[in-house]
């Protein structure tokens, strides 16, 4: 699989990856200067089941961590990922921030 690096597209409010020329993205909503709400994850159907969604969430959380920001997840996929990888709970803006 050919994958681009994660891009934060501020005009569309999305974290984006392109894999084999197909899009994958997480929609975010800024909540002040230091918190992002992650609201929706979308992966091209041709990429489903190949770990692209998990890679997208992992790289997005790494970006948020490096920026010293916090996260609230209202996206079921992101929330499930954080539950499966509890070390990322440290980025949650509040203890109940995983929907």
N, C-alpha and C. Protein backbone atom coordinates (compact mmCIF):
# COMPACT_ATOMS: atom_id res chain seq x y z
N UNK A 1 0.84 -1.19 0.00
CA UNK A 1 0.00 0.00 0.00
C UNK A 1 0.88 1.24 0.00
N UNK A 2 0.51 2.19 -0.79
CA UNK A 2 1.19 3.48 -0.84
C UNK A 2 0.40 4.48 0.00
N UNK A 3 1.06 5.05 1.02
CA UNK A 3 0.39 5.95 1.95
C UNK A 3 1.10 7.29 2.02
N UNK A 4 0.32 8.38 2.01
CA UNK A 4 0.90 9.69 2.22
C UNK A 4 1.03 9.94 3.72
N UNK A 5 1.77 10.97 4.09
CA UNK A 5 1.85 11.35 5.49
C UNK A 5 0.57 12.08 5.88
N UNK A 6 0.29 12.07 7.17
CA UNK A 6 -0.90 12.74 7.69
C UNK A 6 -0.83 14.23 7.41
N UNK A 7 -1.95 14.79 6.98
CA UNK A 7 -2.06 16.22 6.73
C UNK A 7 -3.22 16.77 7.54
N UNK A 8 -2.99 17.91 8.19
CA UNK A 8 -4.08 18.62 8.85
C UNK A 8 -4.58 19.67 7.87
N UNK A 9 -5.75 19.45 7.32
CA UNK A 9 -6.34 20.36 6.34
C UNK A 9 -7.28 21.29 7.09
N UNK A 10 -6.80 22.49 7.40
CA UNK A 10 -7.58 23.41 8.21
C UNK A 10 -8.79 23.96 7.48
N UNK A 11 -8.73 24.06 6.15
CA UNK A 11 -9.87 24.61 5.41
C UNK A 11 -11.08 23.67 5.43
N UNK A 12 -10.83 22.35 5.48
CA UNK A 12 -11.93 21.39 5.55
C UNK A 12 -12.11 20.82 6.95
N UNK A 13 -11.21 21.20 7.87
CA UNK A 13 -11.21 20.69 9.24
C UNK A 13 -11.15 19.17 9.26
N UNK A 14 -10.12 18.67 8.56
CA UNK A 14 -9.93 17.23 8.49
C UNK A 14 -8.45 16.88 8.64
N UNK A 15 -8.20 15.74 9.30
CA UNK A 15 -6.90 15.09 9.25
C UNK A 15 -7.01 14.08 8.12
N UNK A 16 -6.07 14.12 7.17
CA UNK A 16 -6.22 13.33 5.96
C UNK A 16 -5.01 12.45 5.66
N UNK A 17 -5.30 11.26 5.14
CA UNK A 17 -4.30 10.35 4.58
C UNK A 17 -4.82 9.95 3.21
N UNK A 18 -3.92 9.69 2.30
CA UNK A 18 -4.29 9.09 1.02
C UNK A 18 -3.56 7.76 0.92
N UNK A 19 -4.31 6.71 0.68
CA UNK A 19 -3.74 5.37 0.58
C UNK A 19 -4.15 4.79 -0.77
N UNK A 20 -3.16 4.43 -1.57
CA UNK A 20 -3.42 3.91 -2.92
C UNK A 20 -4.37 4.84 -3.69
N UNK A 21 -4.12 6.14 -3.59
CA UNK A 21 -4.90 7.18 -4.26
C UNK A 21 -6.35 7.27 -3.78
N UNK A 22 -6.64 6.71 -2.61
CA UNK A 22 -7.98 6.78 -2.04
C UNK A 22 -7.94 7.53 -0.71
N UNK A 23 -8.98 8.34 -0.42
CA UNK A 23 -8.95 9.17 0.77
C UNK A 23 -9.37 8.44 2.05
N UNK A 24 -8.80 8.90 3.14
CA UNK A 24 -9.21 8.51 4.48
C UNK A 24 -9.07 9.77 5.33
N UNK A 25 -10.06 10.05 6.17
CA UNK A 25 -9.97 11.29 6.95
C UNK A 25 -10.77 11.22 8.24
N UNK A 26 -10.38 12.10 9.17
CA UNK A 26 -11.11 12.34 10.42
C UNK A 26 -11.52 13.80 10.41
N UNK A 27 -12.80 14.03 10.62
CA UNK A 27 -13.31 15.40 10.72
C UNK A 27 -13.13 15.87 12.16
N UNK A 28 -12.65 17.10 12.32
CA UNK A 28 -12.48 17.65 13.67
C UNK A 28 -13.16 19.00 13.79
N UNK A 29 -13.43 19.37 15.02
CA UNK A 29 -14.00 20.68 15.34
C UNK A 29 -13.16 21.28 16.47
N UNK A 30 -12.55 22.44 16.23
CA UNK A 30 -11.77 23.06 17.32
C UNK A 30 -12.69 23.53 18.44
N UNK A 31 -12.28 23.25 19.66
CA UNK A 31 -13.01 23.72 20.84
C UNK A 31 -12.04 24.55 21.67
N UNK A 32 -11.89 25.80 21.30
CA UNK A 32 -10.89 26.64 21.94
C UNK A 32 -9.53 26.40 21.32
N UNK A 33 -8.50 26.84 22.01
CA UNK A 33 -7.14 26.75 21.47
C UNK A 33 -6.47 25.40 21.67
N UNK A 34 -6.94 24.63 22.63
CA UNK A 34 -6.18 23.43 22.97
C UNK A 34 -6.97 22.13 22.95
N UNK A 35 -8.20 22.15 22.47
CA UNK A 35 -9.02 20.93 22.43
C UNK A 35 -9.61 20.77 21.03
N UNK A 36 -9.54 19.54 20.53
CA UNK A 36 -10.18 19.21 19.26
C UNK A 36 -11.21 18.12 19.51
N UNK A 37 -12.41 18.31 18.98
CA UNK A 37 -13.42 17.26 18.98
C UNK A 37 -13.25 16.48 17.68
N UNK A 38 -13.07 15.17 17.80
CA UNK A 38 -12.98 14.31 16.63
C UNK A 38 -14.37 13.73 16.41
N UNK A 39 -15.00 14.13 15.28
CA UNK A 39 -16.43 13.88 15.13
C UNK A 39 -16.80 12.78 14.13
N UNK A 40 -15.92 12.47 13.19
CA UNK A 40 -16.29 11.49 12.15
C UNK A 40 -15.03 10.96 11.48
N UNK A 41 -15.00 9.66 11.24
CA UNK A 41 -13.91 9.03 10.50
C UNK A 41 -14.49 8.40 9.24
N UNK A 42 -13.80 8.59 8.13
CA UNK A 42 -14.25 7.98 6.88
C UNK A 42 -13.06 7.41 6.13
N UNK A 43 -13.23 6.16 5.68
CA UNK A 43 -12.21 5.46 4.91
C UNK A 43 -12.89 4.96 3.64
N UNK A 44 -12.23 5.12 2.51
CA UNK A 44 -12.78 4.63 1.25
C UNK A 44 -13.12 3.14 1.39
N UNK A 45 -14.28 2.73 0.90
CA UNK A 45 -14.68 1.32 1.04
C UNK A 45 -13.65 0.31 0.53
N UNK A 46 -12.88 0.67 -0.48
CA UNK A 46 -11.86 -0.24 -1.00
C UNK A 46 -10.73 -0.49 0.00
N UNK A 47 -10.62 0.37 1.02
CA UNK A 47 -9.55 0.26 2.01
C UNK A 47 -10.01 -0.36 3.32
N UNK A 48 -11.31 -0.59 3.46
CA UNK A 48 -11.83 -1.12 4.72
C UNK A 48 -11.22 -2.49 5.03
N UNK A 49 -10.95 -2.71 6.31
CA UNK A 49 -10.39 -3.98 6.75
C UNK A 49 -8.90 -4.12 6.55
N UNK A 50 -8.24 -3.04 6.16
CA UNK A 50 -6.80 -3.09 5.91
C UNK A 50 -5.99 -2.30 6.94
N UNK A 51 -6.64 -1.87 8.02
CA UNK A 51 -5.94 -1.15 9.07
C UNK A 51 -5.75 0.34 8.80
N UNK A 52 -6.35 0.84 7.74
CA UNK A 52 -6.16 2.25 7.38
C UNK A 52 -6.81 3.16 8.42
N UNK A 53 -8.01 2.81 8.88
CA UNK A 53 -8.68 3.63 9.89
C UNK A 53 -7.87 3.71 11.17
N UNK A 54 -7.34 2.58 11.61
CA UNK A 54 -6.52 2.57 12.83
C UNK A 54 -5.25 3.40 12.64
N UNK A 55 -4.61 3.29 11.49
CA UNK A 55 -3.41 4.09 11.20
C UNK A 55 -3.76 5.58 11.22
N UNK A 56 -4.89 5.92 10.65
CA UNK A 56 -5.34 7.31 10.63
C UNK A 56 -5.56 7.85 12.04
N UNK A 57 -6.24 7.08 12.87
CA UNK A 57 -6.49 7.51 14.26
C UNK A 57 -5.17 7.62 15.01
N UNK A 58 -4.30 6.62 14.88
CA UNK A 58 -3.01 6.63 15.58
C UNK A 58 -2.20 7.88 15.22
N UNK A 59 -2.09 8.16 13.94
CA UNK A 59 -1.30 9.31 13.51
C UNK A 59 -1.95 10.63 13.92
N UNK A 60 -3.28 10.67 13.92
CA UNK A 60 -3.98 11.88 14.36
C UNK A 60 -3.72 12.12 15.84
N UNK A 61 -3.82 11.08 16.65
CA UNK A 61 -3.57 11.23 18.09
C UNK A 61 -2.11 11.61 18.35
N UNK A 62 -1.18 11.07 17.58
CA UNK A 62 0.23 11.46 17.73
C UNK A 62 0.40 12.95 17.42
N UNK A 63 -0.25 13.43 16.38
CA UNK A 63 -0.17 14.84 16.02
C UNK A 63 -0.72 15.70 17.16
N UNK A 64 -1.89 15.34 17.66
CA UNK A 64 -2.53 16.10 18.74
C UNK A 64 -1.64 16.12 19.98
N UNK A 65 -1.04 14.98 20.29
CA UNK A 65 -0.14 14.88 21.44
C UNK A 65 1.07 15.79 21.27
N UNK A 66 1.69 15.77 20.10
CA UNK A 66 2.87 16.62 19.84
C UNK A 66 2.55 18.10 19.93
N UNK A 67 1.31 18.46 19.63
CA UNK A 67 0.89 19.85 19.71
C UNK A 67 0.51 20.26 21.13
N UNK A 68 0.51 19.31 22.06
CA UNK A 68 0.14 19.60 23.45
C UNK A 68 -1.35 19.86 23.60
N UNK A 69 -2.13 19.29 22.71
CA UNK A 69 -3.58 19.51 22.73
C UNK A 69 -4.28 18.32 23.39
N UNK A 70 -5.57 18.49 23.59
CA UNK A 70 -6.41 17.45 24.17
C UNK A 70 -7.51 17.11 23.17
N UNK A 71 -8.24 16.04 23.44
CA UNK A 71 -9.24 15.57 22.49
C UNK A 71 -10.54 15.18 23.18
N UNK A 72 -11.62 15.38 22.48
CA UNK A 72 -12.92 14.82 22.83
C UNK A 72 -13.36 14.02 21.61
N UNK A 73 -13.79 12.79 21.82
CA UNK A 73 -14.22 11.97 20.69
C UNK A 73 -15.73 11.78 20.72
N UNK A 74 -16.37 12.19 19.64
CA UNK A 74 -17.79 11.87 19.44
C UNK A 74 -17.93 10.90 18.26
N UNK A 75 -16.80 10.46 17.73
CA UNK A 75 -16.77 9.51 16.62
C UNK A 75 -16.67 8.09 17.21
N UNK A 76 -17.61 7.20 16.88
CA UNK A 76 -17.55 5.85 17.44
C UNK A 76 -16.25 5.10 17.11
N UNK A 77 -15.70 5.29 15.92
CA UNK A 77 -14.48 4.59 15.55
C UNK A 77 -13.29 5.07 16.39
N UNK A 78 -13.16 6.38 16.55
CA UNK A 78 -12.08 6.94 17.38
C UNK A 78 -12.25 6.50 18.82
N UNK A 79 -13.48 6.56 19.32
CA UNK A 79 -13.74 6.15 20.71
C UNK A 79 -13.36 4.70 20.93
N UNK A 80 -13.72 3.83 19.99
CA UNK A 80 -13.38 2.40 20.11
C UNK A 80 -11.87 2.21 20.08
N UNK A 81 -11.17 2.98 19.24
CA UNK A 81 -9.72 2.89 19.17
C UNK A 81 -9.09 3.28 20.51
N UNK A 82 -9.56 4.37 21.09
CA UNK A 82 -9.01 4.82 22.38
C UNK A 82 -9.30 3.79 23.46
N UNK A 83 -10.47 3.18 23.43
CA UNK A 83 -10.78 2.13 24.43
C UNK A 83 -9.87 0.92 24.27
N UNK A 84 -9.50 0.58 23.02
CA UNK A 84 -8.60 -0.55 22.77
C UNK A 84 -7.14 -0.21 23.06
N UNK A 85 -6.82 1.09 23.07
CA UNK A 85 -5.45 1.56 23.32
C UNK A 85 -5.51 2.60 24.45
N UNK A 86 -5.70 2.13 25.69
CA UNK A 86 -5.97 3.04 26.81
C UNK A 86 -4.85 4.04 27.11
N UNK A 87 -3.64 3.82 26.58
CA UNK A 87 -2.59 4.81 26.80
C UNK A 87 -2.98 6.16 26.19
N UNK A 88 -3.86 6.18 25.19
CA UNK A 88 -4.29 7.45 24.58
C UNK A 88 -5.33 8.19 25.43
N UNK A 89 -5.87 7.55 26.46
CA UNK A 89 -6.85 8.22 27.32
C UNK A 89 -6.26 9.47 27.97
N UNK A 90 -4.94 9.52 28.05
CA UNK A 90 -4.30 10.70 28.66
C UNK A 90 -4.56 11.97 27.86
N UNK A 91 -4.95 11.85 26.60
CA UNK A 91 -5.26 13.03 25.78
C UNK A 91 -6.70 13.50 25.94
N UNK A 92 -7.51 12.73 26.61
CA UNK A 92 -8.92 13.10 26.72
C UNK A 92 -9.10 14.37 27.54
N UNK A 93 -9.93 15.26 27.03
CA UNK A 93 -10.16 16.54 27.70
C UNK A 93 -10.92 16.35 29.01
N UNK A 94 -11.69 15.29 29.10
CA UNK A 94 -12.29 14.91 30.38
C UNK A 94 -12.44 13.41 30.39
N UNK A 95 -12.58 12.83 31.60
CA UNK A 95 -12.55 11.38 31.73
C UNK A 95 -13.68 10.68 30.98
N UNK A 96 -14.76 11.39 30.71
CA UNK A 96 -15.89 10.80 30.01
C UNK A 96 -15.96 11.27 28.57
N UNK A 97 -14.84 11.68 28.02
CA UNK A 97 -14.82 12.29 26.69
C UNK A 97 -14.89 11.28 25.55
N UNK A 98 -14.95 10.01 25.86
CA UNK A 98 -15.08 9.01 24.79
C UNK A 98 -16.54 8.57 24.75
N UNK A 99 -17.19 8.90 23.65
CA UNK A 99 -18.62 8.58 23.49
C UNK A 99 -18.81 7.09 23.27
